[in-house]
PDB file of N, CA and C in Angstrom:
ATOM      1  N   MET A   1      89.280 190.790  61.733  1.00  0.00           N
ATOM      2  CA  MET A   1      89.581 191.768  60.702  1.00  0.00           C
ATOM      3  C   MET A   1      88.295 192.393  60.218  1.00  0.00           C
ATOM      4  N   SER A   2      88.341 193.672  59.977  1.00  0.00           N
ATOM      5  CA  SER A   2      87.146 194.355  59.545  1.00  0.00           C
ATOM      6  C   SER A   2      86.898 194.171  58.058  1.00  0.00           C
ATOM      7  N   TYR A   3      85.680 194.355  57.693  1.00  0.00           N
ATOM      8  CA  TYR A   3      85.310 194.267  56.296  1.00  0.00           C
ATOM      9  C   TYR A   3      86.126 195.251  55.447  1.00  0.00           C
ATOM     10  N   GLU A   4      86.347 196.439  56.037  1.00  0.00           N
ATOM     11  CA  GLU A   4      87.095 197.477  55.269  1.00  0.00           C
ATOM     12  C   GLU A   4      88.507 197.009  54.951  1.00  0.00           C
ATOM     13  N   LYS A   5      89.152 196.361  55.901  1.00  0.00           N
ATOM     14  CA  LYS A   5      90.520 195.880  55.686  1.00  0.00           C
ATOM     15  C   LYS A   5      90.546 194.826  54.596  1.00  0.00           C
ATOM     16  N   ILE A   6      89.572 193.921  54.625  1.00  0.00           N
ATOM     17  CA  ILE A   6      89.469 192.895  53.565  1.00  0.00           C
ATOM     18  C   ILE A   6      89.282 193.562  52.207  1.00  0.00           C
ATOM     19  N   LYS A   7      88.406 194.574  52.163  1.00  0.00           N
ATOM     20  CA  LYS A   7      88.147 195.301  50.954  1.00  0.00           C
ATOM     21  C   LYS A   7      89.410 195.944  50.440  1.00  0.00           C
ATOM     22  N   GLU A   8      90.190 196.566  51.292  1.00  0.00           N
ATOM     23  CA  GLU A   8      91.444 197.209  50.913  1.00  0.00           C
ATOM     24  C   GLU A   8      92.407 196.166  50.286  1.00  0.00           C
ATOM     25  N   GLU A   9      92.572 195.042  50.932  1.00  0.00           N
ATOM     26  CA  GLU A   9      93.484 193.979  50.426  1.00  0.00           C
ATOM     27  C   GLU A   9      92.936 193.435  49.112  1.00  0.00           C
ATOM     28  N   PHE A  10      91.627 193.284  48.990  1.00  0.00           N
ATOM     29  CA  PHE A  10      91.014 192.836  47.764  1.00  0.00           C
ATOM     30  C   PHE A  10      91.301 193.760  46.606  1.00  0.00           C
ATOM     31  N   ILE A  11      91.142 195.031  46.822  1.00  0.00           N
ATOM     32  CA  ILE A  11      91.419 196.041  45.778  1.00  0.00           C
ATOM     33  C   ILE A  11      92.930 195.993  45.379  1.00  0.00           C
ATOM     34  N   LYS A  12      93.772 195.945  46.364  1.00  0.00           N
ATOM     35  CA  LYS A  12      95.216 195.899  46.060  1.00  0.00           C
ATOM     36  C   LYS A  12      95.584 194.674  45.226  1.00  0.00           C
ATOM     37  N   SER A  13      94.972 193.539  45.526  1.00  0.00           N
ATOM     38  CA  SER A  13      95.213 192.322  44.754  1.00  0.00           C
ATOM     39  C   SER A  13      94.726 192.480  43.334  1.00  0.00           C
ATOM     40  N   ALA A  14      93.533 193.027  43.148  1.00  0.00           N
ATOM     41  CA  ALA A  14      92.975 193.215  41.819  1.00  0.00           C
ATOM     42  C   ALA A  14      93.837 194.181  41.000  1.00  0.00           C
ATOM     43  N   GLU A  15      94.285 195.273  41.604  1.00  0.00           N
ATOM     44  CA  GLU A  15      95.086 196.231  40.924  1.00  0.00           C
ATOM     45  C   GLU A  15      96.454 195.648  40.518  1.00  0.00           C
ATOM     46  N   ALA A  16      97.013 194.821  41.392  1.00  0.00           N
ATOM     47  CA  ALA A  16      98.276 194.159  41.072  1.00  0.00           C
ATOM     48  C   ALA A  16      98.095 193.207  39.888  1.00  0.00           C
ATOM     49  N   TYR A  17      96.989 192.503  39.849  1.00  0.00           N
ATOM     50  CA  TYR A  17      96.683 191.583  38.749  1.00  0.00           C
ATOM     51  C   TYR A  17      96.586 192.385  37.453  1.00  0.00           C
ATOM     52  N   ILE A  18      95.806 193.457  37.466  1.00  0.00           N
ATOM     53  CA  ILE A  18      95.619 194.267  36.268  1.00  0.00           C
ATOM     54  C   ILE A  18      96.975 194.836  35.781  1.00  0.00           C
ATOM     55  N   ASN A  19      97.752 195.377  36.709  1.00  0.00           N
ATOM     56  CA  ASN A  19      99.058 195.988  36.342  1.00  0.00           C
ATOM     57  C   ASN A  19      99.992 194.936  35.751  1.00  0.00           C
ATOM     58  N   ALA A  20     100.019 193.747  36.323  1.00  0.00           N
ATOM     59  CA  ALA A  20     100.873 192.698  35.780  1.00  0.00           C
ATOM     60  C   ALA A  20     100.441 192.272  34.391  1.00  0.00           C
ATOM     61  N   LYS A  21      99.142 192.172  34.151  1.00  0.00           N
ATOM     62  CA  LYS A  21      98.653 191.751  32.843  1.00  0.00           C
ATOM     63  C   LYS A  21      98.790 192.818  31.785  1.00  0.00           C
ATOM     64  N   ARG A  22      98.851 194.104  32.214  1.00  0.00           N
ATOM     65  CA  ARG A  22      98.993 195.218  31.269  1.00  0.00           C
ATOM     66  C   ARG A  22     100.452 195.583  31.005  1.00  0.00           C
ATOM     67  N   GLN A  23     101.338 195.125  31.813  1.00  0.00           N
ATOM     68  CA  GLN A  23     102.742 195.543  31.703  1.00  0.00           C
ATOM     69  C   GLN A  23     103.305 195.286  30.266  1.00  0.00           C
ATOM     70  N   PRO A  24     103.002 194.186  29.627  1.00  0.00           N
ATOM     71  CA  PRO A  24     103.545 194.004  28.276  1.00  0.00           C
ATOM     72  C   PRO A  24     103.111 195.072  27.281  1.00  0.00           C
ATOM     73  N   PHE A  25     101.999 195.745  27.526  1.00  0.00           N
ATOM     74  CA  PHE A  25     101.515 196.781  26.622  1.00  0.00           C
ATOM     75  C   PHE A  25     102.561 197.879  26.382  1.00  0.00           C
ATOM     76  N   GLU A  26     103.362 198.127  27.390  1.00  0.00           N
ATOM     77  CA  GLU A  26     104.333 199.217  27.339  1.00  0.00           C
ATOM     78  C   GLU A  26     105.367 199.023  26.249  1.00  0.00           C
ATOM     79  N   LYS A  27     105.627 197.762  25.893  1.00  0.00           N
ATOM     80  CA  LYS A  27     106.673 197.432  24.925  1.00  0.00           C
ATOM     81  C   LYS A  27     106.125 197.214  23.527  1.00  0.00           C
ATOM     82  N   LEU A  28     104.823 197.331  23.327  1.00  0.00           N
ATOM     83  CA  LEU A  28     104.214 197.029  22.049  1.00  0.00           C
ATOM     84  C   LEU A  28     103.647 198.282  21.388  1.00  0.00           C
ATOM     85  N   SER A  29     103.430 198.153  20.098  1.00  0.00           N
ATOM     86  CA  SER A  29     102.796 199.247  19.351  1.00  0.00           C
ATOM     87  C   SER A  29     102.097 198.649  18.154  1.00  0.00           C
ATOM     88  N   GLY A  30     101.281 199.454  17.513  1.00  0.00           N
ATOM     89  CA  GLY A  30     100.604 199.037  16.287  1.00  0.00           C
ATOM     90  C   GLY A  30      99.688 197.835  16.479  1.00  0.00           C
ATOM     91  N   MET A  31      99.724 196.932  15.516  1.00  0.00           N
ATOM     92  CA  MET A  31      98.868 195.752  15.559  1.00  0.00           C
ATOM     93  C   MET A  31      99.216 194.830  16.718  1.00  0.00           C
ATOM     94  N   GLU A  32     100.473 194.764  17.117  1.00  0.00           N
ATOM     95  CA  GLU A  32     100.853 193.912  18.251  1.00  0.00           C
ATOM     96  C   GLU A  32     100.144 194.412  19.539  1.00  0.00           C
ATOM     97  N   LEU A  33     100.099 195.746  19.685  1.00  0.00           N
ATOM     98  CA  LEU A  33      99.400 196.295  20.858  1.00  0.00           C
ATOM     99  C   LEU A  33      97.923 196.018  20.812  1.00  0.00           C
ATOM    100  N   ILE A  34      97.334 196.188  19.675  1.00  0.00           N
ATOM    101  CA  ILE A  34      95.892 195.909  19.503  1.00  0.00           C
ATOM    102  C   ILE A  34      95.594 194.425  19.805  1.00  0.00           C
ATOM    103  N   ASP A  35      96.435 193.553  19.274  1.00  0.00           N
ATOM    104  CA  ASP A  35      96.261 192.128  19.536  1.00  0.00           C
ATOM    105  C   ASP A  35      96.394 191.815  21.022  1.00  0.00           C
ATOM    106  N   ALA A  36      97.373 192.390  21.679  1.00  0.00           N
ATOM    107  CA  ALA A  36      97.609 192.162  23.103  1.00  0.00           C
ATOM    108  C   ALA A  36      96.446 192.643  23.924  1.00  0.00           C
ATOM    109  N   LYS A  37      95.930 193.809  23.579  1.00  0.00           N
ATOM    110  CA  LYS A  37      94.759 194.362  24.311  1.00  0.00           C
ATOM    111  C   LYS A  37      93.534 193.493  24.097  1.00  0.00           C
ATOM    112  N   SER A  38      93.354 192.986  22.872  1.00  0.00           N
ATOM    113  CA  SER A  38      92.236 192.112  22.580  1.00  0.00           C
ATOM    114  C   SER A  38      92.323 190.813  23.403  1.00  0.00           C
ATOM    115  N   HIS A  39      93.493 190.249  23.448  1.00  0.00           N
ATOM    116  CA  HIS A  39      93.705 189.011  24.217  1.00  0.00           C
ATOM    117  C   HIS A  39      93.437 189.296  25.702  1.00  0.00           C
ATOM    118  N   TYR A  40      93.911 190.394  26.176  1.00  0.00           N
ATOM    119  CA  TYR A  40      93.730 190.811  27.573  1.00  0.00           C
ATOM    120  C   TYR A  40      92.214 190.867  27.855  1.00  0.00           C
ATOM    121  N   LEU A  41      91.466 191.528  27.034  1.00  0.00           N
ATOM    122  CA  LEU A  41      90.007 191.671  27.233  1.00  0.00           C
ATOM    123  C   LEU A  41      89.301 190.318  27.104  1.00  0.00           C
ATOM    124  N   ASP A  42      89.815 189.433  26.252  1.00  0.00           N
ATOM    125  CA  ASP A  42      89.252 188.089  26.127  1.00  0.00           C
ATOM    126  C   ASP A  42      89.359 187.289  27.415  1.00  0.00           C
ATOM    127  N   ASN A  43      90.293 187.666  28.268  1.00  0.00           N
ATOM    128  CA  ASN A  43      90.508 186.958  29.528  1.00  0.00           C
ATOM    129  C   ASN A  43      89.767 187.578  30.707  1.00  0.00           C
ATOM    130  N   PHE A  44      88.708 188.299  30.463  1.00  0.00           N
ATOM    131  CA  PHE A  44      87.939 188.945  31.510  1.00  0.00           C
ATOM    132  C   PHE A  44      87.377 187.891  32.467  1.00  0.00           C
ATOM    133  N   GLN A  45      86.954 186.765  31.988  1.00  0.00           N
ATOM    134  CA  GLN A  45      86.413 185.730  32.859  1.00  0.00           C
ATOM    135  C   GLN A  45      87.483 185.186  33.814  1.00  0.00           C
ATOM    136  N   ASP A  46      88.703 185.101  33.374  1.00  0.00           N
ATOM    137  CA  ASP A  46      89.818 184.676  34.213  1.00  0.00           C
ATOM    138  C   ASP A  46      90.001 185.679  35.367  1.00  0.00           C
ATOM    139  N   TYR A  47      89.861 186.930  35.023  1.00  0.00           N
ATOM    140  CA  TYR A  47      89.992 188.029  36.041  1.00  0.00           C
ATOM    141  C   TYR A  47      88.877 187.877  37.088  1.00  0.00           C
ATOM    142  N   ILE A  48      87.647 187.625  36.636  1.00  0.00           N
ATOM    143  CA  ILE A  48      86.517 187.486  37.572  1.00  0.00           C
ATOM    144  C   ILE A  48      86.794 186.267  38.485  1.00  0.00           C
ATOM    145  N   MET A  49      87.314 185.203  37.894  1.00  0.00           N
ATOM    146  CA  MET A  49      87.646 184.026  38.716  1.00  0.00           C
ATOM    147  C   MET A  49      88.747 184.362  39.736  1.00  0.00           C
ATOM    148  N   HIS A  50      89.703 185.173  39.343  1.00  0.00           N
ATOM    149  CA  HIS A  50      90.760 185.641  40.212  1.00  0.00           C
ATOM    150  C   HIS A  50      90.146 186.451  41.373  1.00  0.00           C
ATOM    151  N   LEU A  51      89.223 187.314  41.076  1.00  0.00           N
ATOM    152  CA  LEU A  51      88.561 188.121  42.100  1.00  0.00           C
ATOM    153  C   LEU A  51      87.866 187.215  43.117  1.00  0.00           C
ATOM    154  N   ASN A  52      87.084 186.243  42.606  1.00  0.00           N
ATOM    155  CA  ASN A  52      86.382 185.332  43.475  1.00  0.00           C
ATOM    156  C   ASN A  52      87.319 184.560  44.375  1.00  0.00           C
ATOM    157  N   PHE A  53      88.355 184.020  43.761  1.00  0.00           N
ATOM    158  CA  PHE A  53      89.336 183.238  44.523  1.00  0.00           C
ATOM    159  C   PHE A  53      90.004 184.079  45.601  1.00  0.00           C
ATOM    160  N   THR A  54      90.401 185.308  45.219  1.00  0.00           N
ATOM    161  CA  THR A  54      91.053 186.206  46.161  1.00  0.00           C
ATOM    162  C   THR A  54      90.168 186.550  47.336  1.00  0.00           C
ATOM    163  N   LEU A  55      88.912 186.890  47.041  1.00  0.00           N
ATOM    164  CA  LEU A  55      88.002 187.275  48.127  1.00  0.00           C
ATOM    165  C   LEU A  55      87.730 186.107  49.039  1.00  0.00           C
ATOM    166  N   ASN A  56      87.539 184.924  48.489  1.00  0.00           N
ATOM    167  CA  ASN A  56      87.361 183.762  49.343  1.00  0.00           C
ATOM    168  C   ASN A  56      88.554 183.477  50.218  1.00  0.00           C
ATOM    169  N   ALA A  57      89.774 183.637  49.643  1.00  0.00           N
ATOM    170  CA  ALA A  57      90.985 183.406  50.381  1.00  0.00           C
ATOM    171  C   ALA A  57      91.155 184.438  51.501  1.00  0.00           C
ATOM    172  N   LEU A  58      90.835 185.676  51.243  1.00  0.00           N
ATOM    173  CA  LEU A  58      90.923 186.713  52.248  1.00  0.00           C
ATOM    174  C   LEU A  58      89.956 186.455  53.439  1.00  0.00           C
ATOM    175  N   VAL A  59      88.767 186.069  53.101  1.00  0.00           N
ATOM    176  CA  VAL A  59      87.738 185.746  54.135  1.00  0.00           C
ATOM    177  C   VAL A  59      88.259 184.602  54.986  1.00  0.00           C
ATOM    178  N   GLU A  60      88.802 183.560  54.357  1.00  0.00           N
ATOM    179  CA  GLU A  60      89.326 182.405  55.067  1.00  0.00           C
ATOM    180  C   GLU A  60      90.566 182.748  55.868  1.00  0.00           C
ATOM    181  N   GLU A  61      91.484 183.487  55.237  1.00  0.00           N
ATOM    182  CA  GLU A  61      92.731 183.845  55.888  1.00  0.00           C
ATOM    183  C   GLU A  61      92.511 184.635  57.177  1.00  0.00           C
ATOM    184  N   HIS A  62      91.512 185.462  57.160  1.00  0.00           N
ATOM    185  CA  HIS A  62      91.239 186.344  58.316  1.00  0.00           C
ATOM    186  C   HIS A  62      90.128 185.765  59.228  1.00  0.00           C
ATOM    187  N   SER A  63      89.858 184.505  59.016  1.00  0.00           N
ATOM    188  CA  SER A  63      88.932 183.774  59.876  1.00  0.00           C
ATOM    189  C   SER A  63      87.542 184.468  60.030  1.00  0.00           C
ATOM    190  N   ILE A  64      87.060 185.001  58.943  1.00  0.00           N
ATOM    191  CA  ILE A  64      85.734 185.586  58.950  1.00  0.00           C
ATOM    192  C   ILE A  64      84.736 184.434  58.799  1.00  0.00           C
ATOM    193  N   SER A  65      83.854 184.284  59.762  1.00  0.00           N
ATOM    194  CA  SER A  65      82.829 183.279  59.641  1.00  0.00           C
ATOM    195  C   SER A  65      81.465 183.960  59.847  1.00  0.00           C
ATOM    196  N   PHE A  66      80.607 183.661  58.987  1.00  0.00           N
ATOM    197  CA  PHE A  66      79.258 184.221  58.983  1.00  0.00           C
ATOM    198  C   PHE A  66      78.381 183.314  59.794  1.00  0.00           C
ATOM    199  N   GLN A  67      77.846 183.817  60.915  1.00  0.00           N
ATOM    200  CA  GLN A  67      77.045 182.988  61.789  1.00  0.00           C
ATOM    201  C   GLN A  67      75.614 182.845  61.296  1.00  0.00           C
ATOM    202  N   THR A  68      75.172 183.831  60.501  1.00  0.00           N
ATOM    203  CA  THR A  68      73.816 183.783  59.984  1.00  0.00           C
ATOM    204  C   THR A  68      73.830 184.136  58.523  1.00  0.00           C
ATOM    205  N   LEU A  69      72.730 183.820  57.854  1.00  0.00           N
ATOM    206  CA  LEU A  69      72.581 184.189  56.479  1.00  0.00           C
ATOM    207  C   LEU A  69      72.555 185.706  56.330  1.00  0.00           C
ATOM    208  N   GLU A  70      72.012 186.384  57.314  1.00  0.00           N
ATOM    209  CA  GLU A  70      71.967 187.848  57.291  1.00  0.00           C
ATOM    210  C   GLU A  70      73.382 188.432  57.318  1.00  0.00           C
ATOM    211  N   GLU A  71      74.274 187.859  58.097  1.00  0.00           N
ATOM    212  CA  GLU A  71      75.665 188.335  58.113  1.00  0.00           C
ATOM    213  C   GLU A  71      76.306 188.125  56.764  1.00  0.00           C
ATOM    214  N   ALA A  72      76.108 187.006  56.168  1.00  0.00           N
ATOM    215  CA  ALA A  72      76.687 186.699  54.873  1.00  0.00           C
ATOM    216  C   ALA A  72      76.117 187.644  53.806  1.00  0.00           C
ATOM    217  N   ASN A  73      74.847 187.883  53.855  1.00  0.00           N
ATOM    218  CA  ASN A  73      74.190 188.805  52.915  1.00  0.00           C
ATOM    219  C   ASN A  73      74.675 190.244  53.126  1.00  0.00           C
ATOM    220  N   ALA A  74      74.906 190.635  54.353  1.00  0.00           N
ATOM    221  CA  ALA A  74      75.403 191.958  54.656  1.00  0.00           C
ATOM    222  C   ALA A  74      76.789 192.173  54.061  1.00  0.00           C
ATOM    223  N   PHE A  75      77.652 191.139  54.211  1.00  0.00           N
ATOM    224  CA  PHE A  75      78.989 191.235  53.599  1.00  0.00           C
ATOM    225  C   PHE A  75      78.892 191.296  52.098  1.00  0.00           C
ATOM    226  N   GLN A  76      78.025 190.447  51.519  1.00  0.00           N
ATOM    227  CA  GLN A  76      77.879 190.457  50.077  1.00  0.00           C
ATOM    228  C   GLN A  76      77.413 191.822  49.564  1.00  0.00           C
ATOM    229  N   THR A  77      76.463 192.421  50.279  1.00  0.00           N
ATOM    230  CA  THR A  77      75.978 193.740  49.903  1.00  0.00           C
ATOM    231  C   THR A  77      77.063 194.790  50.034  1.00  0.00           C
ATOM    232  N   TYR A  78      77.906 194.665  51.047  1.00  0.00           N
ATOM    233  CA  TYR A  78      78.990 195.567  51.250  1.00  0.00           C
ATOM    234  C   TYR A  78      80.064 195.494  50.137  1.00  0.00           C
ATOM    235  N   ILE A  79      80.400 194.241  49.730  1.00  0.00           N
ATOM    236  CA  ILE A  79      81.501 194.082  48.801  1.00  0.00           C
ATOM    237  C   ILE A  79      81.072 194.160  47.317  1.00  0.00           C
ATOM    238  N   LYS A  80      79.789 193.983  47.013  1.00  0.00           N
ATOM    239  CA  LYS A  80      79.305 193.934  45.677  1.00  0.00           C
ATOM    240  C   LYS A  80      79.662 195.164  44.852  1.00  0.00           C
ATOM    241  N   PRO A  81      79.527 196.390  45.344  1.00  0.00           N
ATOM    242  CA  PRO A  81      79.892 197.547  44.532  1.00  0.00           C
ATOM    243  C   PRO A  81      81.377 197.540  44.173  1.00  0.00           C
ATOM    244  N   THR A  82      82.203 196.965  45.013  1.00  0.00           N
ATOM    245  CA  THR A  82      83.655 196.911  44.751  1.00  0.00           C
ATOM    246  C   THR A  82      83.889 196.013  43.511  1.00  0.00           C
ATOM    247  N   PHE A  83      83.154 194.918  43.401  1.00  0.00           N
ATOM    248  CA  PHE A  83      83.279 194.074  42.221  1.00  0.00           C
ATOM    249  C   PHE A  83      82.993 194.876  40.938  1.00  0.00           C
ATOM    250  N   GLY A  84      81.957 195.697  40.963  1.00  0.00           N
ATOM    251  CA  GLY A  84      81.628 196.513  39.813  1.00  0.00           C
ATOM    252  C   GLY A  84      82.732 197.515  39.475  1.00  0.00           C
ATOM    253  N   ILE A  85      83.241 198.144  40.508  1.00  0.00           N
ATOM    254  CA  ILE A  85      84.355 199.108  40.282  1.00  0.00           C
ATOM    255  C   ILE A  85      85.590 198.394  39.690  1.00  0.00           C
ATOM    256  N   LEU A  86      85.886 197.213  40.219  1.00  0.00           N
ATOM    257  CA  LEU A  86      87.058 196.505  39.732  1.00  0.00           C
ATOM    258  C   LEU A  86      86.851 195.942  38.309  1.00  0.00           C
ATOM    259  N   ALA A  87      85.626 195.609  37.979  1.00  0.00           N
ATOM    260  CA  ALA A  87      85.325 195.128  36.623  1.00  0.00           C
ATOM    261  C   ALA A  87      85.559 196.286  35.638  1.00  0.00           C
ATOM    262  N   VAL A  88      85.145 197.465  35.992  1.00  0.00           N
ATOM    263  CA  VAL A  88      85.331 198.639  35.115  1.00  0.00           C
ATOM    264  C   VAL A  88      86.803 198.957  35.022  1.00  0.00           C
ATOM    265  N   LYS A  89      87.522 198.824  36.136  1.00  0.00           N
ATOM    266  CA  LYS A  89      88.977 199.100  36.154  1.00  0.00           C
ATOM    267  C   LYS A  89      89.730 198.186  35.205  1.00  0.00           C
ATOM    268  N   PHE A  90      89.290 196.923  35.071  1.00  0.00           N
ATOM    269  CA  PHE A  90      89.903 195.943  34.177  1.00  0.00           C
ATOM    270  C   PHE A  90      89.888 196.427  32.748  1.00  0.00           C
ATOM    271  N   THR A  91      88.765 197.053  32.358  1.00  0.00           N
ATOM    272  CA  THR A  91      88.601 197.498  30.978  1.00  0.00           C
ATOM    273  C   THR A  91      88.946 198.960  30.751  1.00  0.00           C
ATOM    274  N   GLU A  92      89.204 199.660  31.802  1.00  0.00           N
ATOM    275  CA  GLU A  92      89.489 201.102  31.735  1.00  0.00           C
ATOM    276  C   GLU A  92      90.532 201.457  30.688  1.00  0.00           C
ATOM    277  N   GLY A  93      90.177 202.382  29.828  1.00  0.00           N
ATOM    278  CA  GLY A  93      91.078 202.858  28.808  1.00  0.00           C
ATOM    279  C   GLY A  93      91.260 201.943  27.610  1.00  0.00           C
ATOM    280  N   LEU A  94      90.575 200.821  27.581  1.00  0.00           N
ATOM    281  CA  LEU A  94      90.750 199.865  26.492  1.00  0.00           C
ATOM    282  C   LEU A  94      89.580 199.771  25.549  1.00  0.00           C
ATOM    283  N   LEU A  95      88.460 200.305  25.955  1.00  0.00           N
ATOM    284  CA  LEU A  95      87.246 200.165  25.143  1.00  0.00           C
ATOM    285  C   LEU A  95      86.815 201.496  24.486  1.00  0.00           C
ATOM    286  N   ASP A  96      87.729 202.444  24.514  1.00  0.00           N
ATOM    287  CA  ASP A  96      87.425 203.776  23.951  1.00  0.00           C
ATOM    288  C   ASP A  96      87.442 203.773  22.446  1.00  0.00           C
TER     289      ASP A  96
END
């Protein structure tokens, strides 16, 4: 499996996680909504752990093995910007 395919699945998983966690917002308003958003943002570390777990699972699932440190570093360099994008996506629209 190509790195691009893993990246696509990784992004889909992250977006599904975000959408599921934000779904209750639709039914709330006022202070309840503010409290829910605050609680959501407090769980940022859980989201990062989810991203790490998902990425590791995808690499394992698709039998990606890095033969050298350079290969592992190349993959890390490739996927790192995606982590940043997904971190911003988690907070998007909530910190305004």
